[in-house]
Full PDB file with SEQRES, HELIX, SHEET, SSBOND, CRYST1, ORIGX, SCALE, CONECT and MASTER records, all heavy atoms in Angstrom:
SEQRES   1 A   43  GLY ILE SER ALA ILE LEU LEU SER ALA GLY LEU PHE GLY          
SEQRES   2 A   43  LEU MET HIS MET ASN PHE ASN GLN ALA LEU TYR ALA PHE          
SEQRES   3 A   43  ALA ILE GLY ILE PHE LEU ALA LEU LEU VAL GLU ALA ALA          
SEQRES   4 A   43  GLY SER LEU TRP                                              
HELIX    1 AA1 ILE A    2  MET A   15  1                                  14    
HELIX    2 AA2 PHE A   19  ALA A   39  1                                  21    
CRYST1    1.000    1.000    1.000  90.00  90.00  90.00 P 1           1          
ORIGX1      1.000000  0.000000  0.000000        0.00000                         
ORIGX2      0.000000  1.000000  0.000000        0.00000                         
ORIGX3      0.000000  0.000000  1.000000        0.00000                         
SCALE1      1.000000  0.000000  0.000000        0.00000                         
SCALE2      0.000000  1.000000  0.000000        0.00000                         
SCALE3      0.000000  0.000000  1.000000        0.00000                         
ATOM      1  N   GLY A   1       0.808  -1.206   0.000  1.00  0.00           N  
ATOM      2  CA  GLY A   1       0.000   0.000   0.000  1.00  0.00           C  
ATOM      3  C   GLY A   1       0.837   1.249   0.000  1.00  0.00           C  
ATOM      4  O   GLY A   1       1.129   1.831  -1.048  1.00  0.00           O  
ATOM      5  N   ILE A   2       1.244   1.693   1.184  1.00  0.00           N  
ATOM      6  CA  ILE A   2       2.048   2.904   1.307  1.00  0.00           C  
ATOM      7  C   ILE A   2       3.382   2.754   0.578  1.00  0.00           C  
ATOM      8  O   ILE A   2       3.871   3.699  -0.049  1.00  0.00           O  
ATOM      9  CB  ILE A   2       2.277   3.240   2.793  1.00  0.00           C  
ATOM     10  CG1 ILE A   2       0.934   3.496   3.477  1.00  0.00           C  
ATOM     11  CG2 ILE A   2       3.166   4.465   2.931  1.00  0.00           C  
ATOM     12  CD1 ILE A   2       0.147   4.633   2.866  1.00  0.00           C  
ATOM     13  N   SER A   3       3.978   1.575   0.640  1.00  0.00           N  
ATOM     14  CA  SER A   3       5.256   1.359  -0.058  1.00  0.00           C  
ATOM     15  C   SER A   3       5.106   1.565  -1.559  1.00  0.00           C  
ATOM     16  O   SER A   3       5.968   2.168  -2.208  1.00  0.00           O  
ATOM     17  CB  SER A   3       5.776  -0.050   0.231  1.00  0.00           C  
ATOM     18  OG  SER A   3       5.984  -0.242   1.617  1.00  0.00           O  
ATOM     19  N   ALA A   4       3.995   1.077  -2.120  1.00  0.00           N  
ATOM     20  CA  ALA A   4       3.749   1.251  -3.555  1.00  0.00           C  
ATOM     21  C   ALA A   4       3.555   2.717  -3.894  1.00  0.00           C  
ATOM     22  O   ALA A   4       4.022   3.195  -4.939  1.00  0.00           O  
ATOM     23  CB  ALA A   4       2.530   0.434  -3.967  1.00  0.00           C  
ATOM     24  N   ILE A   5       2.863   3.450  -3.024  1.00  0.00           N  
ATOM     25  CA  ILE A   5       2.641   4.879  -3.257  1.00  0.00           C  
ATOM     26  C   ILE A   5       3.962   5.629  -3.270  1.00  0.00           C  
ATOM     27  O   ILE A   5       4.250   6.424  -4.175  1.00  0.00           O  
ATOM     28  CB  ILE A   5       1.694   5.450  -2.189  1.00  0.00           C  
ATOM     29  CG1 ILE A   5       0.280   4.898  -2.378  1.00  0.00           C  
ATOM     30  CG2 ILE A   5       1.667   6.973  -2.251  1.00  0.00           C  
ATOM     31  CD1 ILE A   5      -0.686   5.331  -1.304  1.00  0.00           C  
ATOM     32  N   LEU A   6       4.793   5.383  -2.257  1.00  0.00           N  
ATOM     33  CA  LEU A   6       6.065   6.109  -2.141  1.00  0.00           C  
ATOM     34  C   LEU A   6       7.015   5.765  -3.280  1.00  0.00           C  
ATOM     35  O   LEU A   6       7.677   6.655  -3.840  1.00  0.00           O  
ATOM     36  CB  LEU A   6       6.712   5.799  -0.786  1.00  0.00           C  
ATOM     37  CG  LEU A   6       5.957   6.288   0.449  1.00  0.00           C  
ATOM     38  CD1 LEU A   6       6.665   5.843   1.721  1.00  0.00           C  
ATOM     39  CD2 LEU A   6       5.810   7.800   0.435  1.00  0.00           C  
ATOM     40  N   LEU A   7       7.093   4.489  -3.635  1.00  0.00           N  
ATOM     41  CA  LEU A   7       8.034   4.096  -4.676  1.00  0.00           C  
ATOM     42  C   LEU A   7       7.582   4.598  -6.041  1.00  0.00           C  
ATOM     43  O   LEU A   7       8.395   5.115  -6.825  1.00  0.00           O  
ATOM     44  CB  LEU A   7       8.195   2.578  -4.704  1.00  0.00           C  
ATOM     45  CG  LEU A   7       9.224   2.038  -5.708  1.00  0.00           C  
ATOM     46  CD1 LEU A   7      10.588   2.672  -5.471  1.00  0.00           C  
ATOM     47  CD2 LEU A   7       9.331   0.524  -5.603  1.00  0.00           C  
ATOM     48  N   SER A   8       6.300   4.480  -6.357  1.00  0.00           N  
ATOM     49  CA  SER A   8       5.814   4.976  -7.648  1.00  0.00           C  
ATOM     50  C   SER A   8       5.973   6.487  -7.734  1.00  0.00           C  
ATOM     51  O   SER A   8       6.306   7.035  -8.795  1.00  0.00           O  
ATOM     52  CB  SER A   8       4.353   4.577  -7.862  1.00  0.00           C  
ATOM     53  OG  SER A   8       3.514   5.159  -6.882  1.00  0.00           O  
ATOM     54  N   ALA A   9       5.750   7.190  -6.618  1.00  0.00           N  
ATOM     55  CA  ALA A   9       5.953   8.640  -6.603  1.00  0.00           C  
ATOM     56  C   ALA A   9       7.431   8.979  -6.772  1.00  0.00           C  
ATOM     57  O   ALA A   9       7.788   9.954  -7.450  1.00  0.00           O  
ATOM     58  CB  ALA A   9       5.421   9.237  -5.301  1.00  0.00           C  
ATOM     59  N   GLY A  10       8.313   8.187  -6.161  1.00  0.00           N  
ATOM     60  CA  GLY A  10       9.745   8.411  -6.324  1.00  0.00           C  
ATOM     61  C   GLY A  10      10.197   8.223  -7.758  1.00  0.00           C  
ATOM     62  O   GLY A  10      10.990   9.020  -8.285  1.00  0.00           O  
ATOM     63  N   LEU A  11       9.689   7.184  -8.415  1.00  0.00           N  
ATOM     64  CA  LEU A  11      10.031   6.960  -9.820  1.00  0.00           C  
ATOM     65  C   LEU A  11       9.474   8.073 -10.699  1.00  0.00           C  
ATOM     66  O   LEU A  11      10.107   8.481 -11.679  1.00  0.00           O  
ATOM     67  CB  LEU A  11       9.489   5.601 -10.282  1.00  0.00           C  
ATOM     68  CG  LEU A  11      10.045   4.376  -9.553  1.00  0.00           C  
ATOM     69  CD1 LEU A  11       9.464   3.103 -10.144  1.00  0.00           C  
ATOM     70  CD2 LEU A  11      11.562   4.340  -9.610  1.00  0.00           C  
ATOM     71  N   PHE A  12       8.294   8.562 -10.341  1.00  0.00           N  
ATOM     72  CA  PHE A  12       7.706   9.684 -11.076  1.00  0.00           C  
ATOM     73  C   PHE A  12       8.584  10.926 -10.966  1.00  0.00           C  
ATOM     74  O   PHE A  12       8.771  11.659 -11.948  1.00  0.00           O  
ATOM     75  CB  PHE A  12       6.310   9.964 -10.521  1.00  0.00           C  
ATOM     76  CG  PHE A  12       5.597  11.113 -11.181  1.00  0.00           C  
ATOM     77  CD1 PHE A  12       5.358  11.115 -12.542  1.00  0.00           C  
ATOM     78  CD2 PHE A  12       5.162  12.193 -10.430  1.00  0.00           C  
ATOM     79  CE1 PHE A  12       4.699  12.179 -13.154  1.00  0.00           C  
ATOM     80  CE2 PHE A  12       4.504  13.256 -11.024  1.00  0.00           C  
ATOM     81  CZ  PHE A  12       4.265  13.244 -12.394  1.00  0.00           C  
ATOM     82  N   GLY A  13       9.145  11.155  -9.784  1.00  0.00           N  
ATOM     83  CA  GLY A  13      10.051  12.284  -9.618  1.00  0.00           C  
ATOM     84  C   GLY A  13      11.349  12.094 -10.384  1.00  0.00           C  
ATOM     85  O   GLY A  13      11.821  13.020 -11.064  1.00  0.00           O  
ATOM     86  N   LEU A  14      11.934  10.907 -10.312  1.00  0.00           N  
ATOM     87  CA  LEU A  14      13.195  10.653 -11.008  1.00  0.00           C  
ATOM     88  C   LEU A  14      13.041  10.738 -12.515  1.00  0.00           C  
ATOM     89  O   LEU A  14      13.981  11.114 -13.225  1.00  0.00           O  
ATOM     90  CB  LEU A  14      13.727   9.264 -10.623  1.00  0.00           C  
ATOM     91  CG  LEU A  14      14.226   9.097  -9.192  1.00  0.00           C  
ATOM     92  CD1 LEU A  14      14.588   7.641  -8.935  1.00  0.00           C  
ATOM     93  CD2 LEU A  14      15.423  10.001  -8.920  1.00  0.00           C  
ATOM     94  N   MET A  15      11.857  10.399 -13.021  1.00  0.00           N  
ATOM     95  CA  MET A  15      11.626  10.427 -14.454  1.00  0.00           C  
ATOM     96  C   MET A  15      11.835  11.817 -15.049  1.00  0.00           C  
ATOM     97  O   MET A  15      12.192  11.967 -16.222  1.00  0.00           O  
ATOM     98  CB  MET A  15      10.208   9.929 -14.746  1.00  0.00           C  
ATOM     99  CG  MET A  15       9.779   9.940 -16.202  1.00  0.00           C  
ATOM    100  SD  MET A  15       9.029  11.510 -16.749  1.00  0.00           S  
ATOM    101  CE  MET A  15       7.646  11.653 -15.647  1.00  0.00           C  
ATOM    102  N   HIS A  16      11.664  12.867 -14.247  1.00  0.00           N  
ATOM    103  CA  HIS A  16      11.829  14.222 -14.758  1.00  0.00           C  
ATOM    104  C   HIS A  16      13.296  14.582 -14.998  1.00  0.00           C  
ATOM    105  O   HIS A  16      13.600  15.585 -15.642  1.00  0.00           O  
ATOM    106  CB  HIS A  16      11.195  15.237 -13.794  1.00  0.00           C  
ATOM    107  CG  HIS A  16       9.702  15.183 -13.799  1.00  0.00           C  
ATOM    108  ND1 HIS A  16       8.978  14.228 -13.097  1.00  0.00           N  
ATOM    109  CD2 HIS A  16       8.780  15.968 -14.415  1.00  0.00           C  
ATOM    110  CE1 HIS A  16       7.687  14.439 -13.286  1.00  0.00           C  
ATOM    111  NE2 HIS A  16       7.540  15.467 -14.076  1.00  0.00           N  
ATOM    112  N   MET A  17      14.203  13.798 -14.439  1.00  0.00           N  
ATOM    113  CA  MET A  17      15.630  13.909 -14.726  1.00  0.00           C  
ATOM    114  C   MET A  17      16.244  15.259 -14.329  1.00  0.00           C  
ATOM    115  O   MET A  17      17.206  15.715 -14.949  1.00  0.00           O  
ATOM    116  CB  MET A  17      15.908  13.656 -16.212  1.00  0.00           C  
ATOM    117  CG  MET A  17      15.715  12.207 -16.632  1.00  0.00           C  
ATOM    118  SD  MET A  17      16.896  11.126 -15.806  1.00  0.00           S  
ATOM    119  CE  MET A  17      16.783   9.649 -16.803  1.00  0.00           C  
ATOM    120  N   ASN A  18      15.707  15.911 -13.313  1.00  0.00           N  
ATOM    121  CA  ASN A  18      16.346  17.100 -12.746  1.00  0.00           C  
ATOM    122  C   ASN A  18      15.857  17.241 -11.309  1.00  0.00           C  
ATOM    123  O   ASN A  18      14.727  16.866 -10.980  1.00  0.00           O  
ATOM    124  CB  ASN A  18      16.051  18.353 -13.568  1.00  0.00           C  
ATOM    125  CG  ASN A  18      14.589  18.703 -13.613  1.00  0.00           C  
ATOM    126  OD1 ASN A  18      14.053  19.305 -12.670  1.00  0.00           O  
ATOM    127  ND2 ASN A  18      13.909  18.332 -14.701  1.00  0.00           N  
ATOM    128  N   PHE A  19      16.731  17.785 -10.460  1.00  0.00           N  
ATOM    129  CA  PHE A  19      16.421  17.872  -9.034  1.00  0.00           C  
ATOM    130  C   PHE A  19      15.292  18.867  -8.755  1.00  0.00           C  
ATOM    131  O   PHE A  19      14.555  18.714  -7.785  1.00  0.00           O  
ATOM    132  CB  PHE A  19      17.671  18.270  -8.245  1.00  0.00           C  
ATOM    133  CG  PHE A  19      18.667  17.164  -8.095  1.00  0.00           C  
ATOM    134  CD1 PHE A  19      19.858  17.188  -8.805  1.00  0.00           C  
ATOM    135  CD2 PHE A  19      18.406  16.095  -7.259  1.00  0.00           C  
ATOM    136  CE1 PHE A  19      20.784  16.157  -8.665  1.00  0.00           C  
ATOM    137  CE2 PHE A  19      19.320  15.058  -7.114  1.00  0.00           C  
ATOM    138  CZ  PHE A  19      20.505  15.086  -7.828  1.00  0.00           C  
ATOM    139  N   ASN A  20      15.157  19.872  -9.597  1.00  0.00           N  
ATOM    140  CA  ASN A  20      14.129  20.884  -9.381  1.00  0.00           C  
ATOM    141  C   ASN A  20      12.728  20.261  -9.441  1.00  0.00           C  
ATOM    142  O   ASN A  20      11.918  20.426  -8.528  1.00  0.00           O  
ATOM    143  CB  ASN A  20      14.271  21.998 -10.414  1.00  0.00           C  
ATOM    144  CG  ASN A  20      13.118  22.986 -10.361  1.00  0.00           C  
ATOM    145  OD1 ASN A  20      12.353  23.096 -11.321  1.00  0.00           O  
ATOM    146  ND2 ASN A  20      12.966  23.690  -9.259  1.00  0.00           N  
ATOM    147  N   GLN A  21      12.443  19.548 -10.504  1.00  0.00           N  
ATOM    148  CA  GLN A  21      11.121  18.943 -10.654  1.00  0.00           C  
ATOM    149  C   GLN A  21      10.958  17.659  -9.853  1.00  0.00           C  
ATOM    150  O   GLN A  21       9.834  17.298  -9.485  1.00  0.00           O  
ATOM    151  CB  GLN A  21      10.841  18.660 -12.133  1.00  0.00           C  
ATOM    152  CG  GLN A  21      10.643  19.904 -12.979  1.00  0.00           C  
ATOM    153  CD  GLN A  21      10.412  19.561 -14.433  1.00  0.00           C  
ATOM    154  OE1 GLN A  21      11.331  19.130 -15.129  1.00  0.00           O  
ATOM    155  NE2 GLN A  21       9.192  19.737 -14.904  1.00  0.00           N  
ATOM    156  N   ALA A  22      12.065  16.972  -9.580  1.00  0.00           N  
ATOM    157  CA  ALA A  22      11.969  15.677  -8.918  1.00  0.00           C  
ATOM    158  C   ALA A  22      11.335  15.780  -7.540  1.00  0.00           C  
ATOM    159  O   ALA A  22      10.517  14.933  -7.154  1.00  0.00           O  
ATOM    160  CB  ALA A  22      13.358  15.045  -8.813  1.00  0.00           C  
ATOM    161  N   LEU A  23      11.689  16.825  -6.785  1.00  0.00           N  
ATOM    162  CA  LEU A  23      11.201  16.934  -5.415  1.00  0.00           C  
ATOM    163  C   LEU A  23       9.697  17.158  -5.369  1.00  0.00           C  
ATOM    164  O   LEU A  23       8.963  16.439  -4.690  1.00  0.00           O  
ATOM    165  CB  LEU A  23      11.936  18.066  -4.684  1.00  0.00           C  
ATOM    166  CG  LEU A  23      11.579  18.227  -3.198  1.00  0.00           C  
ATOM    167  CD1 LEU A  23      11.861  16.948  -2.431  1.00  0.00           C  
ATOM    168  CD2 LEU A  23      12.337  19.407  -2.592  1.00  0.00           C  
ATOM    169  N   TYR A  24       9.217  18.177  -6.106  1.00  0.00           N  
ATOM    170  CA  TYR A  24       7.781  18.426  -6.020  1.00  0.00           C  
ATOM    171  C   TYR A  24       6.976  17.407  -6.827  1.00  0.00           C  
ATOM    172  O   TYR A  24       5.802  17.166  -6.539  1.00  0.00           O  
ATOM    173  CB  TYR A  24       7.430  19.861  -6.415  1.00  0.00           C  
ATOM    174  CG  TYR A  24       7.687  20.290  -7.836  1.00  0.00           C  
ATOM    175  CD1 TYR A  24       6.841  19.912  -8.876  1.00  0.00           C  
ATOM    176  CD2 TYR A  24       8.741  21.149  -8.149  1.00  0.00           C  
ATOM    177  CE1 TYR A  24       7.045  20.338 -10.167  1.00  0.00           C  
ATOM    178  CE2 TYR A  24       8.946  21.588  -9.440  1.00  0.00           C  
ATOM    179  CZ  TYR A  24       8.100  21.176 -10.448  1.00  0.00           C  
ATOM    180  OH  TYR A  24       8.302  21.610 -11.736  1.00  0.00           O  
ATOM    181  N   ALA A  25       7.587  16.764  -7.835  1.00  0.00           N  
ATOM    182  CA  ALA A  25       6.885  15.691  -8.544  1.00  0.00           C  
ATOM    183  C   ALA A  25       6.683  14.487  -7.622  1.00  0.00           C  
ATOM    184  O   ALA A  25       5.665  13.787  -7.713  1.00  0.00           O  
ATOM    185  CB  ALA A  25       7.667  15.280  -9.782  1.00  0.00           C  
ATOM    186  N   PHE A  26       7.636  14.244  -6.729  1.00  0.00           N  
ATOM    187  CA  PHE A  26       7.475  13.170  -5.742  1.00  0.00           C  
ATOM    188  C   PHE A  26       6.277  13.447  -4.836  1.00  0.00           C  
ATOM    189  O   PHE A  26       5.450  12.564  -4.580  1.00  0.00           O  
ATOM    190  CB  PHE A  26       8.749  13.049  -4.912  1.00  0.00           C  
ATOM    191  CG  PHE A  26       8.632  12.129  -3.735  1.00  0.00           C  
ATOM    192  CD1 PHE A  26       8.534  10.759  -3.898  1.00  0.00           C  
ATOM    193  CD2 PHE A  26       8.605  12.638  -2.438  1.00  0.00           C  
ATOM    194  CE1 PHE A  26       8.418   9.911  -2.810  1.00  0.00           C  
ATOM    195  CE2 PHE A  26       8.488  11.805  -1.341  1.00  0.00           C  
ATOM    196  CZ  PHE A  26       8.392  10.434  -1.534  1.00  0.00           C  
ATOM    197  N   ALA A  27       6.156  14.697  -4.362  1.00  0.00           N  
ATOM    198  CA  ALA A  27       5.026  15.057  -3.501  1.00  0.00           C  
ATOM    199  C   ALA A  27       3.709  14.959  -4.255  1.00  0.00           C  
ATOM    200  O   ALA A  27       2.709  14.424  -3.744  1.00  0.00           O  
ATOM    201  CB  ALA A  27       5.219  16.460  -2.934  1.00  0.00           C  
ATOM    202  N   ILE A  28       3.692  15.453  -5.495  1.00  0.00           N  
ATOM    203  CA  ILE A  28       2.475  15.371  -6.298  1.00  0.00           C  
ATOM    204  C   ILE A  28       2.112  13.918  -6.572  1.00  0.00           C  
ATOM    205  O   ILE A  28       0.931  13.530  -6.555  1.00  0.00           O  
ATOM    206  CB  ILE A  28       2.662  16.143  -7.616  1.00  0.00           C  
ATOM    207  CG1 ILE A  28       2.798  17.639  -7.340  1.00  0.00           C  
ATOM    208  CG2 ILE A  28       1.494  15.892  -8.568  1.00  0.00           C  
ATOM    209  CD1 ILE A  28       3.104  18.460  -8.582  1.00  0.00           C  
ATOM    210  N   GLY A  29       3.129  13.078  -6.809  1.00  0.00           N  
ATOM    211  CA  GLY A  29       2.876  11.664  -7.083  1.00  0.00           C  
ATOM    212  C   GLY A  29       2.186  10.965  -5.930  1.00  0.00           C  
ATOM    213  O   GLY A  29       1.346  10.076  -6.138  1.00  0.00           O  
ATOM    214  N   ILE A  30       2.514  11.353  -4.700  1.00  0.00           N  
ATOM    215  CA  ILE A  30       1.852  10.771  -3.531  1.00  0.00           C  
ATOM    216  C   ILE A  30       0.368  11.136  -3.533  1.00  0.00           C  
ATOM    217  O   ILE A  30      -0.512  10.275  -3.340  1.00  0.00           O  
ATOM    218  CB  ILE A  30       2.534  11.245  -2.241  1.00  0.00           C  
ATOM    219  CG1 ILE A  30       3.962  10.681  -2.156  1.00  0.00           C  
ATOM    220  CG2 ILE A  30       1.715  10.825  -1.013  1.00  0.00           C  
ATOM    221  CD1 ILE A  30       4.746  11.202  -0.977  1.00  0.00           C  
ATOM    222  N   PHE A  31       0.068  12.403  -3.756  1.00  0.00           N  
ATOM    223  CA  PHE A  31      -1.327  12.844  -3.779  1.00  0.00           C  
ATOM    224  C   PHE A  31      -2.092  12.183  -4.923  1.00  0.00           C  
ATOM    225  O   PHE A  31      -3.261  11.803  -4.770  1.00  0.00           O  
ATOM    226  CB  PHE A  31      -1.398  14.365  -3.904  1.00  0.00           C  
ATOM    227  CG  PHE A  31      -1.302  15.081  -2.591  1.00  0.00           C  
ATOM    228  CD1 PHE A  31      -0.088  15.542  -2.118  1.00  0.00           C  
ATOM    229  CD2 PHE A  31      -2.431  15.282  -1.810  1.00  0.00           C  
ATOM    230  CE1 PHE A  31       0.008  16.197  -0.907  1.00  0.00           C  
ATOM    231  CE2 PHE A  31      -2.347  15.935  -0.588  1.00  0.00           C  
ATOM    232  CZ  PHE A  31      -1.131  16.397  -0.129  1.00  0.00           C  
ATOM    233  N   LEU A  32      -1.462  12.035  -6.079  1.00  0.00           N  
ATOM    234  CA  LEU A  32      -2.136  11.431  -7.220  1.00  0.00           C  
ATOM    235  C   LEU A  32      -2.473   9.971  -6.954  1.00  0.00           C  
ATOM    236  O   LEU A  32      -3.567   9.504  -7.304  1.00  0.00           O  
ATOM    237  CB  LEU A  32      -1.261  11.558  -8.471  1.00  0.00           C  
ATOM    238  CG  LEU A  32      -1.077  12.980  -9.007  1.00  0.00           C  
ATOM    239  CD1 LEU A  32      -0.055  12.995 -10.139  1.00  0.00           C  
ATOM    240  CD2 LEU A  32      -2.395  13.568  -9.490  1.00  0.00           C  
ATOM    241  N   ALA A  33      -1.556   9.233  -6.343  1.00  0.00           N  
ATOM    242  CA  ALA A  33      -1.838   7.833  -6.014  1.00  0.00           C  
ATOM    243  C   ALA A  33      -2.948   7.725  -4.976  1.00  0.00           C  
ATOM    244  O   ALA A  33      -3.809   6.830  -5.048  1.00  0.00           O  
ATOM    245  CB  ALA A  33      -0.569   7.150  -5.515  1.00  0.00           C  
ATOM    246  N   LEU A  34      -2.956   8.628  -4.002  1.00  0.00           N  
ATOM    247  CA  LEU A  34      -4.027   8.627  -3.003  1.00  0.00           C  
ATOM    248  C   LEU A  34      -5.376   8.943  -3.648  1.00  0.00           C  
ATOM    249  O   LEU A  34      -6.407   8.372  -3.264  1.00  0.00           O  
ATOM    250  CB  LEU A  34      -3.721   9.643  -1.904  1.00  0.00           C  
ATOM    251  CG  LEU A  34      -2.561   9.298  -0.965  1.00  0.00           C  
ATOM    252  CD1 LEU A  34      -2.271  10.456  -0.026  1.00  0.00           C  
ATOM    253  CD2 LEU A  34      -2.871   8.032  -0.160  1.00  0.00           C  
ATOM    254  N   LEU A  35      -5.390   9.816  -4.632  1.00  0.00           N  
ATOM    255  CA  LEU A  35      -6.630  10.119  -5.336  1.00  0.00           C  
ATOM    256  C   LEU A  35      -7.137   8.900  -6.108  1.00  0.00           C  
ATOM    257  O   LEU A  35      -8.348   8.651  -6.164  1.00  0.00           O  
ATOM    258  CB  LEU A  35      -6.424  11.292  -6.294  1.00  0.00           C  
ATOM    259  CG  LEU A  35      -6.393  12.679  -5.661  1.00  0.00           C  
ATOM    260  CD1 LEU A  35      -6.016  13.733  -6.702  1.00  0.00           C  
ATOM    261  CD2 LEU A  35      -7.741  13.023  -5.042  1.00  0.00           C  
ATOM    262  N   VAL A  36      -6.217   8.155  -6.714  1.00  0.00           N  
ATOM    263  CA  VAL A  36      -6.613   6.939  -7.419  1.00  0.00           C  
ATOM    264  C   VAL A  36      -7.264   5.951  -6.458  1.00  0.00           C  
ATOM    265  O   VAL A  36      -8.298   5.334  -6.760  1.00  0.00           O  
ATOM    266  CB  VAL A  36      -5.396   6.298  -8.121  1.00  0.00           C  
ATOM    267  CG1 VAL A  36      -5.739   4.914  -8.651  1.00  0.00           C  
ATOM    268  CG2 VAL A  36      -4.915   7.182  -9.259  1.00  0.00           C  
ATOM    269  N   GLU A  37      -6.676   5.796  -5.281  1.00  0.00           N  
ATOM    270  CA  GLU A  37      -7.244   4.882  -4.288  1.00  0.00           C  
ATOM    271  C   GLU A  37      -8.578   5.402  -3.752  1.00  0.00           C  
ATOM    272  O   GLU A  37      -9.507   4.628  -3.525  1.00  0.00           O  
ATOM    273  CB  GLU A  37      -6.261   4.697  -3.127  1.00  0.00           C  
ATOM    274  CG  GLU A  37      -5.028   3.904  -3.472  1.00  0.00           C  
ATOM    275  CD  GLU A  37      -5.330   2.429  -3.697  1.00  0.00           C  
ATOM    276  OE1 GLU A  37      -6.458   1.989  -3.382  1.00  0.00           O  
ATOM    277  OE2 GLU A  37      -4.441   1.721  -4.189  1.00  0.00           O  
ATOM    278  N   ALA A  38      -8.666   6.715  -3.552  1.00  0.00           N  
ATOM    279  CA  ALA A  38      -9.895   7.283  -2.992  1.00  0.00           C  
ATOM    280  C   ALA A  38     -11.058   7.167  -3.964  1.00  0.00           C  
ATOM    281  O   ALA A  38     -12.179   6.831  -3.573  1.00  0.00           O  
ATOM    282  CB  ALA A  38      -9.666   8.742  -2.604  1.00  0.00           C  
ATOM    283  N   ALA A  39     -10.806   7.437  -5.241  1.00  0.00           N  
ATOM    284  CA  ALA A  39     -11.872   7.414  -6.240  1.00  0.00           C  
ATOM    285  C   ALA A  39     -12.029   6.054  -6.905  1.00  0.00           C  
ATOM    286  O   ALA A  39     -13.054   5.790  -7.536  1.00  0.00           O  
ATOM    287  CB  ALA A  39     -11.612   8.477  -7.303  1.00  0.00           C  
ATOM    288  N   GLY A  40     -11.006   5.201  -6.788  1.00  0.00           N  
ATOM    289  CA  GLY A  40     -11.076   3.893  -7.427  1.00  0.00           C  
ATOM    290  C   GLY A  40     -10.986   3.965  -8.933  1.00  0.00           C  
ATOM    291  O   GLY A  40     -11.478   3.073  -9.630  1.00  0.00           O  
ATOM    292  N   SER A  41     -10.364   5.015  -9.453  1.00  0.00           N  
ATOM    293  CA  SER A  41     -10.288   5.200 -10.896  1.00  0.00           C  
ATOM    294  C   SER A  41      -9.057   6.007 -11.248  1.00  0.00           C  
ATOM    295  O   SER A  41      -8.673   6.934 -10.527  1.00  0.00           O  
ATOM    296  CB  SER A  41     -11.538   5.916 -11.414  1.00  0.00           C  
ATOM    297  OG  SER A  41     -11.405   6.242 -12.784  1.00  0.00           O  
ATOM    298  N   LEU A  42      -8.471   5.665 -12.373  1.00  0.00           N  
ATOM    299  CA  LEU A  42      -7.324   6.417 -12.868  1.00  0.00           C  
ATOM    300  C   LEU A  42      -7.731   7.797 -13.370  1.00  0.00           C  
ATOM    301  O   LEU A  42      -6.897   8.701 -13.461  1.00  0.00           O  
ATOM    302  CB  LEU A  42      -6.627   5.639 -13.994  1.00  0.00           C  
ATOM    303  CG  LEU A  42      -5.220   6.076 -14.394  1.00  0.00           C  
ATOM    304  CD1 LEU A  42      -4.269   6.009 -13.217  1.00  0.00           C  
ATOM    305  CD2 LEU A  42      -4.708   5.237 -15.558  1.00  0.00           C  
ATOM    306  N   TRP A  43      -9.024   7.982 -13.656  1.00  0.00           N  
ATOM    307  CA  TRP A  43      -9.500   9.294 -14.079  1.00  0.00           C  
ATOM    308  C   TRP A  43      -9.253  10.352 -13.009  1.00  0.00           C  
ATOM    309  O   TRP A  43      -9.100  11.538 -13.329  1.00  0.00           O  
ATOM    310  CB  TRP A  43     -10.982   9.258 -14.425  1.00  0.00           C  
ATOM    311  CG  TRP A  43     -11.309   8.678 -15.753  1.00  0.00           C  
ATOM    312  CD1 TRP A  43     -12.145   7.624 -16.022  1.00  0.00           C  
ATOM    313  CD2 TRP A  43     -10.823   9.121 -17.039  1.00  0.00           C  
ATOM    314  NE1 TRP A  43     -12.206   7.370 -17.367  1.00  0.00           N  
ATOM    315  CE2 TRP A  43     -11.402   8.285 -18.021  1.00  0.00           C  
ATOM    316  CE3 TRP A  43      -9.951  10.129 -17.437  1.00  0.00           C  
ATOM    317  CZ2 TRP A  43     -11.140   8.437 -19.374  1.00  0.00           C  
ATOM    318  CZ3 TRP A  43      -9.681  10.274 -18.788  1.00  0.00           C  
ATOM    319  CH2 TRP A  43     -10.271   9.443 -19.737  1.00  0.00           C  
TER     320      TRP A  43                                                      
MASTER        0    0    0    2    0    0    0    6  319    1    0    4          
END                                                                             
């Protein structure tokens, strides 16, 4: 659960390939995964 959220968010941050976007993309990735779980949909 939480491990999947953190790791997928970390990979999402690393994918941007720069430290500037990586940090806030990691935070956004956590919220996005929580939204998927809350709504039960990728939409």
